[in-house]
């Protein structure tokens, strides 16, 4: 049995992967908070993690759950409306950059497709581990990811108001 690495090595080795998962679910504005929450929760649970565990998959799962929790909490909050000012610039604001269109398209996918695309393509997990999160087979996880990519390609190739293709 091998010894577990120090937790700071996990942060260094898997920090970018965790951030990609958080950003895919929440967007760049709230991803940093979910990233921090992921590693705080991971640090608390790390002593009980078996030495041979797949640290990347473990952290990606925590990240996805923390991001979903943050998205749910945000949806329950009141949204303030600013005074109308047509002279306000949108430069540098979330939702105006080229990556924001892709991030929004990923967030608009059905749950299983969004989870499959996020965990396989952004967290770099194999389909077997994605299937464990989806509660199905690796073939079903592969299909959900494929369907999600097809939907993303359609939406981004033919953008329409509201993001529907």
Protein backbone atom coordinates (compact mmCIF):
# COMPACT_ATOMS: atom_id res chain seq x y z
CA UNK A 1 0.00 0.00 0.00
CA UNK A 2 1.37 3.38 -0.95
CA UNK A 3 1.26 6.41 1.27
CA UNK A 4 -1.05 9.26 0.39
CA UNK A 5 0.66 12.37 -0.99
CA UNK A 6 0.47 15.62 0.96
CA UNK A 7 -2.74 17.50 0.25
CA UNK A 8 -0.91 20.48 -1.26
CA UNK A 9 0.30 18.15 -4.03
CA UNK A 10 -3.32 17.36 -4.86
CA UNK A 11 -4.09 21.06 -5.10
CA UNK A 12 -1.12 21.60 -7.41
CA UNK A 13 -1.79 18.51 -9.56
CA UNK A 14 -5.58 18.80 -9.84
CA UNK A 15 -6.32 22.50 -9.27
CA UNK A 16 -6.78 23.34 -12.95
CA UNK A 17 -9.02 20.32 -13.51
CA UNK A 18 -11.21 21.28 -10.55
CA UNK A 19 -11.44 24.88 -11.79
CA UNK A 20 -12.54 23.71 -15.27
CA UNK A 21 -15.34 21.65 -13.71
CA UNK A 22 -16.49 24.57 -11.54
CA UNK A 23 -16.37 27.00 -14.47
CA UNK A 24 -18.34 24.66 -16.72
CA UNK A 25 -21.17 24.55 -14.21
CA UNK A 26 -21.10 28.10 -12.83
CA UNK A 27 -19.25 30.36 -15.23
CA UNK A 28 -16.05 32.22 -14.47
CA UNK A 29 -17.55 34.61 -11.90
CA UNK A 30 -18.50 32.00 -9.28
CA UNK A 31 -15.97 29.30 -10.20
CA UNK A 32 -13.30 30.58 -7.81
CA UNK A 33 -15.57 30.22 -4.79
CA UNK A 34 -16.60 26.69 -5.77
CA UNK A 35 -12.93 25.83 -6.37
CA UNK A 36 -12.08 26.96 -2.84
CA UNK A 37 -15.05 25.11 -1.36
CA UNK A 38 -13.97 21.95 -3.20
CA UNK A 39 -10.51 21.95 -1.68
CA UNK A 40 -11.81 22.87 1.79
CA UNK A 41 -14.20 19.93 1.68
CA UNK A 42 -11.46 17.72 0.25
CA UNK A 43 -9.05 18.71 3.00
CA UNK A 44 -11.63 17.76 5.64
CA UNK A 45 -12.34 14.38 4.01
CA UNK A 46 -8.77 13.57 2.95
CA UNK A 47 -7.74 11.72 6.13
CA UNK A 48 -10.53 9.16 5.53
CA UNK A 49 -9.76 8.68 1.82
CA UNK A 50 -8.20 5.29 1.02
CA UNK A 51 -4.53 5.51 -0.06
CA UNK A 52 -5.20 3.95 -3.48
CA UNK A 53 -8.11 6.25 -4.40
CA UNK A 54 -8.19 8.15 -7.70
CA UNK A 55 -7.59 11.66 -6.44
CA UNK A 56 -8.59 13.37 -9.70
CA UNK A 57 -11.94 11.61 -9.88
CA UNK A 58 -12.56 12.20 -6.18
CA UNK A 59 -11.86 15.94 -6.48
CA UNK A 60 -13.82 16.28 -9.73
CA UNK A 61 -16.84 14.73 -8.02
CA UNK A 62 -16.55 17.11 -5.08
CA UNK A 63 -16.11 20.05 -7.48
CA UNK A 64 -19.19 19.15 -9.49
CA UNK A 65 -21.30 18.81 -6.34
CA UNK A 66 -20.02 22.08 -4.86
CA UNK A 67 -20.70 23.88 -8.14
CA UNK A 68 -24.24 22.47 -8.33
CA UNK A 69 -24.83 23.53 -4.70
CA UNK A 70 -23.63 27.05 -5.54
CA UNK A 71 -25.83 27.20 -8.64
CA UNK A 72 -28.85 26.12 -6.61
CA UNK A 73 -28.11 28.66 -3.90
CA UNK A 74 -27.71 31.41 -6.50
CA UNK A 75 -31.04 30.52 -8.11
CA UNK A 76 -32.79 31.02 -4.77
CA UNK A 77 -31.35 34.51 -4.26
CA UNK A 78 -33.08 37.69 -5.29
CA UNK A 79 -31.58 39.34 -8.34
CA UNK A 80 -31.15 43.10 -8.00
CA UNK A 81 -31.99 45.11 -11.07
CA UNK A 82 -29.79 48.12 -11.80
CA UNK A 83 -31.11 51.46 -12.96
CA UNK A 84 -31.30 51.52 -16.73
CA UNK A 85 -28.28 53.21 -18.27
CA UNK A 86 -27.72 52.68 -21.98
CA UNK A 87 -24.24 54.14 -21.77
CA UNK A 88 -22.76 51.29 -19.67
CA UNK A 89 -20.03 49.35 -21.46
CA UNK A 90 -20.08 45.56 -21.43
CA UNK A 91 -16.30 45.23 -21.88
CA UNK A 92 -14.85 42.88 -19.28
CA UNK A 93 -18.23 41.87 -17.89
CA UNK A 94 -19.22 38.19 -17.62
CA UNK A 95 -21.38 37.03 -20.49
CA UNK A 96 -19.68 39.16 -23.12
CA UNK A 97 -16.53 37.21 -24.01
CA UNK A 98 -16.07 34.49 -26.63
CA UNK A 99 -15.71 31.72 -24.00
CA UNK A 100 -18.85 32.82 -22.19
CA UNK A 101 -21.02 31.69 -25.11
CA UNK A 102 -19.55 28.19 -24.87
CA UNK A 103 -19.84 28.13 -21.08
CA UNK A 104 -23.50 29.20 -21.31
CA UNK A 105 -24.17 26.54 -23.94
CA UNK A 106 -22.65 23.86 -21.68
CA UNK A 107 -24.72 25.06 -18.71
CA UNK A 108 -27.89 24.88 -20.83
CA UNK A 109 -27.44 21.18 -21.65
CA UNK A 110 -29.71 18.62 -19.96
CA UNK A 111 -28.27 17.42 -16.64
CA UNK A 112 -26.87 14.07 -17.81
CA UNK A 113 -25.30 15.55 -20.92
CA UNK A 114 -23.82 18.48 -18.99
CA UNK A 115 -22.38 16.14 -16.35
CA UNK A 116 -20.99 13.72 -18.97
CA UNK A 117 -19.39 16.51 -21.02
CA UNK A 118 -18.02 18.25 -17.93
CA UNK A 119 -16.56 15.17 -16.27
CA UNK A 120 -15.17 13.54 -19.42
CA UNK A 121 -13.90 16.50 -21.42
CA UNK A 122 -13.11 19.06 -18.72
CA UNK A 123 -12.18 16.82 -15.78
CA UNK A 124 -10.58 14.23 -18.11
CA UNK A 125 -12.30 11.30 -16.41
CA UNK A 126 -12.75 8.00 -18.27
CA UNK A 127 -16.29 7.00 -19.20
CA UNK A 128 -16.33 4.31 -16.49
CA UNK A 129 -15.97 6.98 -13.81
CA UNK A 130 -18.42 9.28 -15.54
CA UNK A 131 -20.88 6.36 -15.59
CA UNK A 132 -20.43 5.91 -11.84
CA UNK A 133 -21.54 9.54 -11.37
CA UNK A 134 -24.43 9.25 -13.82
CA UNK A 135 -25.59 5.95 -12.38
CA UNK A 136 -25.37 3.99 -15.63
CA UNK A 137 -23.00 2.15 -17.93
CA UNK A 138 -19.87 3.50 -19.61
CA UNK A 139 -21.68 3.17 -22.94
CA UNK A 140 -24.54 5.34 -21.67
CA UNK A 141 -22.02 7.89 -20.37
CA UNK A 142 -20.29 7.92 -23.76
CA UNK A 143 -23.67 8.42 -25.47
CA UNK A 144 -24.64 11.26 -23.12
CA UNK A 145 -21.33 13.01 -23.81
CA UNK A 146 -21.73 12.47 -27.55
CA UNK A 147 -25.27 13.83 -27.49
CA UNK A 148 -24.07 16.83 -25.46
CA UNK A 149 -21.29 17.59 -27.96
CA UNK A 150 -23.69 17.31 -30.87
CA UNK A 151 -26.07 19.74 -29.18
CA UNK A 152 -23.21 22.15 -28.44
CA UNK A 153 -22.02 22.04 -32.04
CA UNK A 154 -25.52 22.81 -33.31
CA UNK A 155 -26.06 25.67 -30.87
CA UNK A 156 -22.69 27.25 -31.51
CA UNK A 157 -22.86 26.81 -35.29
CA UNK A 158 -26.37 28.25 -35.54
CA UNK A 159 -26.86 30.59 -32.57
CA UNK A 160 -30.38 31.85 -32.09
CA UNK A 161 -31.90 34.03 -29.39
CA UNK A 162 -32.26 32.01 -26.22
CA UNK A 163 -29.54 29.52 -27.27
CA UNK A 164 -31.92 26.98 -28.80
CA UNK A 165 -30.92 25.33 -32.06
